């Protein structure tokens, strides 16, 4: 004979939800800072330096976004 035990998952507490929101916000800020840092580093390069590494100035934004956020 088989017995089933049902356990009810409780919803996360208010404190857990606030901490989760803070963690998510902190991660978002970190990704945004990494994007800005990457963009600014590439933007500071001269057109010649960009050409040497095979990057067009119009692609800097896309490259920075891909570097931080992925595909």
PDB file of N, CA and C in Angstrom:
ATOM      1  N   UNK A   1       0.841  -1.160   0.000  1.00  0.00           N
ATOM      2  CA  UNK A   1       0.000   0.000   0.000  1.00  0.00           C
ATOM      3  C   UNK A   1       0.896   1.236   0.000  1.00  0.00           C
ATOM      4  N   UNK A   2       0.529   2.227  -0.807  1.00  0.00           N
ATOM      5  CA  UNK A   2       1.324   3.434  -0.934  1.00  0.00           C
ATOM      6  C   UNK A   2       0.657   4.587  -0.199  1.00  0.00           C
ATOM      7  N   UNK A   3       1.466   5.414   0.382  1.00  0.00           N
ATOM      8  CA  UNK A   3       0.975   6.596   1.079  1.00  0.00           C
ATOM      9  C   UNK A   3       1.559   7.832   0.421  1.00  0.00           C
ATOM     10  N   UNK A   4       0.775   8.860   0.331  1.00  0.00           N
ATOM     11  CA  UNK A   4       1.243  10.119  -0.246  1.00  0.00           C
ATOM     12  C   UNK A   4       1.264  11.169   0.851  1.00  0.00           C
ATOM     13  N   UNK A   5       2.317  11.892   0.891  1.00  0.00           N
ATOM     14  CA  UNK A   5       2.428  12.971   1.856  1.00  0.00           C
ATOM     15  C   UNK A   5       2.419  14.285   1.083  1.00  0.00           C
ATOM     16  N   UNK A   6       1.526  15.149   1.451  1.00  0.00           N
ATOM     17  CA  UNK A   6       1.422  16.438   0.777  1.00  0.00           C
ATOM     18  C   UNK A   6       1.979  17.503   1.707  1.00  0.00           C
ATOM     19  N   UNK A   7       2.927  18.250   1.172  1.00  0.00           N
ATOM     20  CA  UNK A   7       3.470  19.367   1.946  1.00  0.00           C
ATOM     21  C   UNK A   7       3.174  20.650   1.193  1.00  0.00           C
ATOM     22  N   UNK A   8       2.701  21.605   1.882  1.00  0.00           N
ATOM     23  CA  UNK A   8       2.373  22.892   1.259  1.00  0.00           C
ATOM     24  C   UNK A   8       3.587  23.801   1.356  1.00  0.00           C
ATOM     25  N   UNK A   9       4.006  24.306   0.206  1.00  0.00           N
ATOM     26  CA  UNK A   9       5.094  25.279   0.204  1.00  0.00           C
ATOM     27  C   UNK A   9       4.537  26.623   0.630  1.00  0.00           C
ATOM     28  N   UNK A  10       5.209  27.216   1.561  1.00  0.00           N
ATOM     29  CA  UNK A  10       4.782  28.527   2.020  1.00  0.00           C
ATOM     30  C   UNK A  10       5.368  29.596   1.121  1.00  0.00           C
ATOM     31  N   UNK A  11       4.617  30.643   0.965  1.00  0.00           N
ATOM     32  CA  UNK A  11       5.107  31.767   0.175  1.00  0.00           C
ATOM     33  C   UNK A  11       6.284  32.399   0.906  1.00  0.00           C
ATOM     34  N   UNK A  12       7.236  32.952   0.162  1.00  0.00           N
ATOM     35  CA  UNK A  12       8.381  33.592   0.803  1.00  0.00           C
ATOM     36  C   UNK A  12       7.929  34.747   1.700  1.00  0.00           C
ATOM     37  N   UNK A  13       8.637  34.931   2.765  1.00  0.00           N
ATOM     38  CA  UNK A  13       8.294  36.007   3.695  1.00  0.00           C
ATOM     39  C   UNK A  13       8.586  37.361   3.053  1.00  0.00           C
ATOM     40  N   UNK A  14       8.066  38.387   3.666  1.00  0.00           N
ATOM     41  CA  UNK A  14       8.282  39.742   3.168  1.00  0.00           C
ATOM     42  C   UNK A  14       9.772  40.071   3.173  1.00  0.00           C
ATOM     43  N   UNK A  15      10.458  39.666   4.211  1.00  0.00           N
ATOM     44  CA  UNK A  15      11.900  39.935   4.301  1.00  0.00           C
ATOM     45  C   UNK A  15      12.639  39.240   3.167  1.00  0.00           C
ATOM     46  N   UNK A  16      12.259  38.000   2.876  1.00  0.00           N
ATOM     47  CA  UNK A  16      12.913  37.263   1.793  1.00  0.00           C
ATOM     48  C   UNK A  16      12.660  37.938   0.449  1.00  0.00           C
ATOM     49  N   UNK A  17      11.450  38.440   0.249  1.00  0.00           N
ATOM     50  CA  UNK A  17      11.140  39.118  -1.011  1.00  0.00           C
ATOM     51  C   UNK A  17      11.897  40.435  -1.132  1.00  0.00           C
ATOM     52  N   UNK A  18      12.037  41.157  -0.046  1.00  0.00           N
ATOM     53  CA  UNK A  18      12.785  42.424  -0.075  1.00  0.00           C
ATOM     54  C   UNK A  18      14.259  42.149  -0.348  1.00  0.00           C
ATOM     55  N   UNK A  19      14.814  41.148   0.315  1.00  0.00           N
ATOM     56  CA  UNK A  19      16.220  40.799   0.080  1.00  0.00           C
ATOM     57  C   UNK A  19      16.442  40.345  -1.358  1.00  0.00           C
ATOM     58  N   UNK A  20      15.496  39.608  -1.900  1.00  0.00           N
ATOM     59  CA  UNK A  20      15.596  39.174  -3.288  1.00  0.00           C
ATOM     60  C   UNK A  20      15.558  40.368  -4.235  1.00  0.00           C
ATOM     61  N   UNK A  21      14.691  41.322  -3.954  1.00  0.00           N
ATOM     62  CA  UNK A  21      14.606  42.525  -4.783  1.00  0.00           C
ATOM     63  C   UNK A  21      15.901  43.328  -4.699  1.00  0.00           C
ATOM     64  N   UNK A  22      16.471  43.442  -3.511  1.00  0.00           N
ATOM     65  CA  UNK A  22      17.737  44.160  -3.352  1.00  0.00           C
ATOM     66  C   UNK A  22      18.864  43.467  -4.111  1.00  0.00           C
ATOM     67  N   UNK A  23      18.894  42.150  -4.032  1.00  0.00           N
ATOM     68  CA  UNK A  23      19.919  41.382  -4.742  1.00  0.00           C
ATOM     69  C   UNK A  23      19.773  41.572  -6.245  1.00  0.00           C
ATOM     70  N   UNK A  24      18.545  41.546  -6.729  1.00  0.00           N
ATOM     71  CA  UNK A  24      18.290  41.741  -8.156  1.00  0.00           C
ATOM     72  C   UNK A  24      18.689  43.150  -8.589  1.00  0.00           C
ATOM     73  N   UNK A  25      18.362  44.138  -7.779  1.00  0.00           N
ATOM     74  CA  UNK A  25      18.721  45.524  -8.096  1.00  0.00           C
ATOM     75  C   UNK A  25      20.230  45.702  -8.123  1.00  0.00           C
ATOM     76  N   UNK A  26      20.900  45.114  -7.153  1.00  0.00           N
ATOM     77  CA  UNK A  26      22.359  45.202  -7.095  1.00  0.00           C
ATOM     78  C   UNK A  26      22.997  44.559  -8.337  1.00  0.00           C
ATOM     79  N   UNK A  27      22.464  43.418  -8.766  1.00  0.00           N
ATOM     80  CA  UNK A  27      22.980  42.744  -9.959  1.00  0.00           C
ATOM     81  C   UNK A  27      22.738  43.594 -11.201  1.00  0.00           C
ATOM     82  N   UNK A  28      21.576  44.222 -11.274  1.00  0.00           N
ATOM     83  CA  UNK A  28      21.266  45.087 -12.414  1.00  0.00           C
ATOM     84  C   UNK A  28      22.215  46.276 -12.464  1.00  0.00           C
ATOM     85  N   UNK A  29      22.470  46.886 -11.300  1.00  0.00           N
ATOM     86  CA  UNK A  29      23.417  48.010 -11.246  1.00  0.00           C
ATOM     87  C   UNK A  29      24.817  47.579 -11.668  1.00  0.00           C
ATOM     88  N   UNK A  30      25.230  46.385 -11.255  1.00  0.00           N
ATOM     89  CA  UNK A  30      26.558  45.884 -11.607  1.00  0.00           C
ATOM     90  C   UNK A  30      26.665  45.663 -13.118  1.00  0.00           C
ATOM     91  N   UNK A  31      25.613  45.077 -13.725  1.00  0.00           N
ATOM     92  CA  UNK A  31      25.630  44.874 -15.179  1.00  0.00           C
ATOM     93  C   UNK A  31      25.638  46.211 -15.907  1.00  0.00           C
ATOM     94  N   UNK A  32      24.867  47.170 -15.419  1.00  0.00           N
ATOM     95  CA  UNK A  32      24.830  48.492 -16.043  1.00  0.00           C
ATOM     96  C   UNK A  32      26.191  49.170 -15.950  1.00  0.00           C
ATOM     97  N   UNK A  33      26.852  49.052 -14.804  1.00  0.00           N
ATOM     98  CA  UNK A  33      28.191  49.639 -14.639  1.00  0.00           C
ATOM     99  C   UNK A  33      29.187  48.973 -15.592  1.00  0.00           C
ATOM    100  N   UNK A  34      29.091  47.659 -15.746  1.00  0.00           N
ATOM    101  CA  UNK A  34      29.992  46.948 -16.662  1.00  0.00           C
ATOM    102  C   UNK A  34      29.748  47.388 -18.101  1.00  0.00           C
ATOM    103  N   UNK A  35      28.484  47.591 -18.472  1.00  0.00           N
ATOM    104  CA  UNK A  35      28.166  48.073 -19.823  1.00  0.00           C
ATOM    105  C   UNK A  35      28.778  49.447 -20.057  1.00  0.00           C
ATOM    106  N   UNK A  36      28.564  50.363 -19.108  1.00  0.00           N
ATOM    107  CA  UNK A  36      29.098  51.716 -19.257  1.00  0.00           C
ATOM    108  C   UNK A  36      30.616  51.707 -19.340  1.00  0.00           C
ATOM    109  N   UNK A  37      31.250  50.874 -18.503  1.00  0.00           N
ATOM    110  CA  UNK A  37      32.717  50.797 -18.502  1.00  0.00           C
ATOM    111  C   UNK A  37      33.227  50.282 -19.850  1.00  0.00           C
ATOM    112  N   UNK A  38      32.595  49.228 -20.359  1.00  0.00           N
ATOM    113  CA  UNK A  38      33.003  48.657 -21.648  1.00  0.00           C
ATOM    114  C   UNK A  38      32.792  49.661 -22.768  1.00  0.00           C
ATOM    115  N   UNK A  39      31.622  50.282 -22.782  1.00  0.00           N
ATOM    116  CA  UNK A  39      31.315  51.276 -23.820  1.00  0.00           C
ATOM    117  C   UNK A  39      32.328  52.411 -23.792  1.00  0.00           C
ATOM    118  N   UNK A  40      32.587  52.956 -22.609  1.00  0.00           N
ATOM    119  CA  UNK A  40      33.512  54.088 -22.496  1.00  0.00           C
ATOM    120  C   UNK A  40      34.932  53.721 -22.890  1.00  0.00           C
ATOM    121  N   UNK A  41      35.375  52.523 -22.534  1.00  0.00           N
ATOM    122  CA  UNK A  41      36.733  52.110 -22.906  1.00  0.00           C
ATOM    123  C   UNK A  41      36.873  52.022 -24.424  1.00  0.00           C
ATOM    124  N   UNK A  42      35.871  51.459 -25.083  1.00  0.00           N
ATOM    125  CA  UNK A  42      35.937  51.364 -26.542  1.00  0.00           C
ATOM    126  C   UNK A  42      35.760  52.732 -27.191  1.00  0.00           C
ATOM    127  N   UNK A  43      34.900  53.555 -26.622  1.00  0.00           N
ATOM    128  CA  UNK A  43      34.635  54.871 -27.202  1.00  0.00           C
ATOM    129  C   UNK A  43      35.847  55.787 -27.116  1.00  0.00           C
ATOM    130  N   UNK A  44      36.693  55.584 -26.126  1.00  0.00           N
ATOM    131  CA  UNK A  44      37.906  56.408 -25.971  1.00  0.00           C
ATOM    132  C   UNK A  44      38.973  56.094 -27.018  1.00  0.00           C
ATOM    133  N   UNK A  45      38.880  54.938 -27.662  1.00  0.00           N
ATOM    134  CA  UNK A  45      39.880  54.578 -28.662  1.00  0.00           C
ATOM    135  C   UNK A  45      39.710  55.436 -29.910  1.00  0.00           C
ATOM    136  N   UNK A  46      40.804  55.687 -30.577  1.00  0.00           N
ATOM    137  CA  UNK A  46      40.743  56.455 -31.821  1.00  0.00           C
ATOM    138  C   UNK A  46      40.192  55.554 -32.929  1.00  0.00           C
ATOM    139  N   UNK A  47      39.809  56.174 -34.024  1.00  0.00           N
ATOM    140  CA  UNK A  47      39.306  55.395 -35.158  1.00  0.00           C
ATOM    141  C   UNK A  47      40.367  54.435 -35.675  1.00  0.00           C
ATOM    142  N   UNK A  48      41.589  54.858 -35.625  1.00  0.00           N
ATOM    143  CA  UNK A  48      42.690  53.997 -36.086  1.00  0.00           C
ATOM    144  C   UNK A  48      42.840  52.771 -35.183  1.00  0.00           C
ATOM    145  N   UNK A  49      42.794  52.995 -33.857  1.00  0.00           N
ATOM    146  CA  UNK A  49      42.911  51.881 -32.910  1.00  0.00           C
ATOM    147  C   UNK A  49      41.732  50.918 -33.066  1.00  0.00           C
ATOM    148  N   UNK A  50      40.551  51.468 -33.270  1.00  0.00           N
ATOM    149  CA  UNK A  50      39.388  50.609 -33.487  1.00  0.00           C
ATOM    150  C   UNK A  50      39.546  49.789 -34.763  1.00  0.00           C
ATOM    151  N   UNK A  51      40.049  50.428 -35.825  1.00  0.00           N
ATOM    152  CA  UNK A  51      40.256  49.715 -37.088  1.00  0.00           C
ATOM    153  C   UNK A  51      41.288  48.597 -36.921  1.00  0.00           C
ATOM    154  N   UNK A  52      42.301  48.838 -36.095  1.00  0.00           N
ATOM    155  CA  UNK A  52      43.334  47.824 -35.858  1.00  0.00           C
ATOM    156  C   UNK A  52      42.761  46.559 -35.218  1.00  0.00           C
ATOM    157  N   UNK A  53      41.729  46.722 -34.387  1.00  0.00           N
ATOM    158  CA  UNK A  53      41.144  45.540 -33.742  1.00  0.00           C
ATOM    159  C   UNK A  53      39.852  45.094 -34.433  1.00  0.00           C
ATOM    160  N   UNK A  54      39.540  45.717 -35.569  1.00  0.00           N
ATOM    161  CA  UNK A  54      38.417  45.279 -36.377  1.00  0.00           C
ATOM    162  C   UNK A  54      37.049  45.692 -35.870  1.00  0.00           C
ATOM    163  N   UNK A  55      36.974  46.866 -35.262  1.00  0.00           N
ATOM    164  CA  UNK A  55      35.696  47.353 -34.734  1.00  0.00           C
ATOM    165  C   UNK A  55      35.371  48.685 -35.398  1.00  0.00           C
ATOM    166  N   UNK A  56      34.129  48.804 -35.847  1.00  0.00           N
ATOM    167  CA  UNK A  56      33.662  50.090 -36.361  1.00  0.00           C
ATOM    168  C   UNK A  56      33.044  50.872 -35.207  1.00  0.00           C
ATOM    169  N   UNK A  57      33.170  52.180 -35.252  1.00  0.00           N
ATOM    170  CA  UNK A  57      32.647  53.013 -34.168  1.00  0.00           C
ATOM    171  C   UNK A  57      31.148  52.809 -33.980  1.00  0.00           C
ATOM    172  N   UNK A  58      30.422  52.565 -35.049  1.00  0.00           N
ATOM    173  CA  UNK A  58      28.974  52.379 -34.946  1.00  0.00           C
ATOM    174  C   UNK A  58      28.603  51.057 -34.266  1.00  0.00           C
ATOM    175  N   UNK A  59      29.561  50.141 -34.101  1.00  0.00           N
ATOM    176  CA  UNK A  59      29.299  48.845 -33.471  1.00  0.00           C
ATOM    177  C   UNK A  59      29.636  48.810 -31.982  1.00  0.00           C
ATOM    178  N   UNK A  60      30.151  49.883 -31.451  1.00  0.00           N
ATOM    179  CA  UNK A  60      30.585  49.896 -30.049  1.00  0.00           C
ATOM    180  C   UNK A  60      29.434  49.565 -29.105  1.00  0.00           C
ATOM    181  N   UNK A  61      28.284  50.175 -29.322  1.00  0.00           N
ATOM    182  CA  UNK A  61      27.138  49.935 -28.438  1.00  0.00           C
ATOM    183  C   UNK A  61      26.726  48.467 -28.449  1.00  0.00           C
ATOM    184  N   UNK A  62      26.659  47.868 -29.638  1.00  0.00           N
ATOM    185  CA  UNK A  62      26.282  46.456 -29.748  1.00  0.00           C
ATOM    186  C   UNK A  62      27.312  45.544 -29.093  1.00  0.00           C
ATOM    187  N   UNK A  63      28.579  45.861 -29.265  1.00  0.00           N
ATOM    188  CA  UNK A  63      29.647  45.042 -28.678  1.00  0.00           C
ATOM    189  C   UNK A  63      29.602  45.121 -27.156  1.00  0.00           C
ATOM    190  N   UNK A  64      29.414  46.315 -26.615  1.00  0.00           N
ATOM    191  CA  UNK A  64      29.334  46.481 -25.160  1.00  0.00           C
ATOM    192  C   UNK A  64      28.131  45.737 -24.609  1.00  0.00           C
ATOM    193  N   UNK A  65      26.994  45.829 -25.289  1.00  0.00           N
ATOM    194  CA  UNK A  65      25.788  45.142 -24.834  1.00  0.00           C
ATOM    195  C   UNK A  65      25.993  43.625 -24.865  1.00  0.00           C
ATOM    196  N   UNK A  66      26.568  43.101 -25.947  1.00  0.00           N
ATOM    197  CA  UNK A  66      26.803  41.665 -26.047  1.00  0.00           C
ATOM    198  C   UNK A  66      27.787  41.191 -24.976  1.00  0.00           C
ATOM    199  N   UNK A  67      28.813  41.991 -24.730  1.00  0.00           N
ATOM    200  CA  UNK A  67      29.825  41.632 -23.731  1.00  0.00           C
ATOM    201  C   UNK A  67      29.198  41.479 -22.346  1.00  0.00           C
ATOM    202  N   UNK A  68      28.259  42.340 -22.008  1.00  0.00           N
ATOM    203  CA  UNK A  68      27.671  42.337 -20.660  1.00  0.00           C
ATOM    204  C   UNK A  68      26.450  41.440 -20.568  1.00  0.00           C
ATOM    205  N   UNK A  69      25.532  41.553 -21.524  1.00  0.00           N
ATOM    206  CA  UNK A  69      24.257  40.872 -21.415  1.00  0.00           C
ATOM    207  C   UNK A  69      24.169  39.573 -22.215  1.00  0.00           C
ATOM    208  N   UNK A  70      25.171  39.313 -23.041  1.00  0.00           N
ATOM    209  CA  UNK A  70      25.140  38.101 -23.849  1.00  0.00           C
ATOM    210  C   UNK A  70      24.297  38.307 -25.101  1.00  0.00           C
ATOM    211  N   UNK A  71      23.960  37.212 -25.718  1.00  0.00           N
ATOM    212  CA  UNK A  71      23.191  37.263 -26.984  1.00  0.00           C
ATOM    213  C   UNK A  71      21.884  37.850 -26.740  1.00  0.00           C
TER     214      UNK A  71
END
